[in-house]
Amino acid sequence: AGSTRVVPTNKELLRNAASTLSGPPGNRVPILIHGGTLIDGTGADAIANPGVLIHGDQIKAVGPAAEQQASQLTQVTRVDATGKTVMPGLIDAHCHVTFAEPASNDELFFHR
């Protein structure tokens, strides 16, 4: 296996996120999230301690396959999510498609 970088806290993850996630998806360092509890959004029961391997903008593997694939990579950022909930693939799709441009501050504040 190649080099690994352990990111044990959310603070460190956020500090390193710009360099880890910047650039074209093919040039980004893969991320392995491990140790947390996975909620996959399908309605299935939560899964304790799966690996989630993310490369670029895609989830590449979940579970034992994620750990196995990460071990074959020359570089990977490891995120210890022990005691945390992992919910990959969420999209903030919140919008108000029925609202036109507000004509006043009152409309702006009433339509939030």
Foldseek 3Di string as FASTA:
>chain_A
DADEAEDEDPVSCVVCVCVQQDDAQQPHAKEKEWQAWEDAPPPDDIHGTWIFIDGRHDTDDIGPVRVVVVVVDNYYYYYYQRPHYDYPDDDPPDDDPPDDPDPDVVVVVVVD
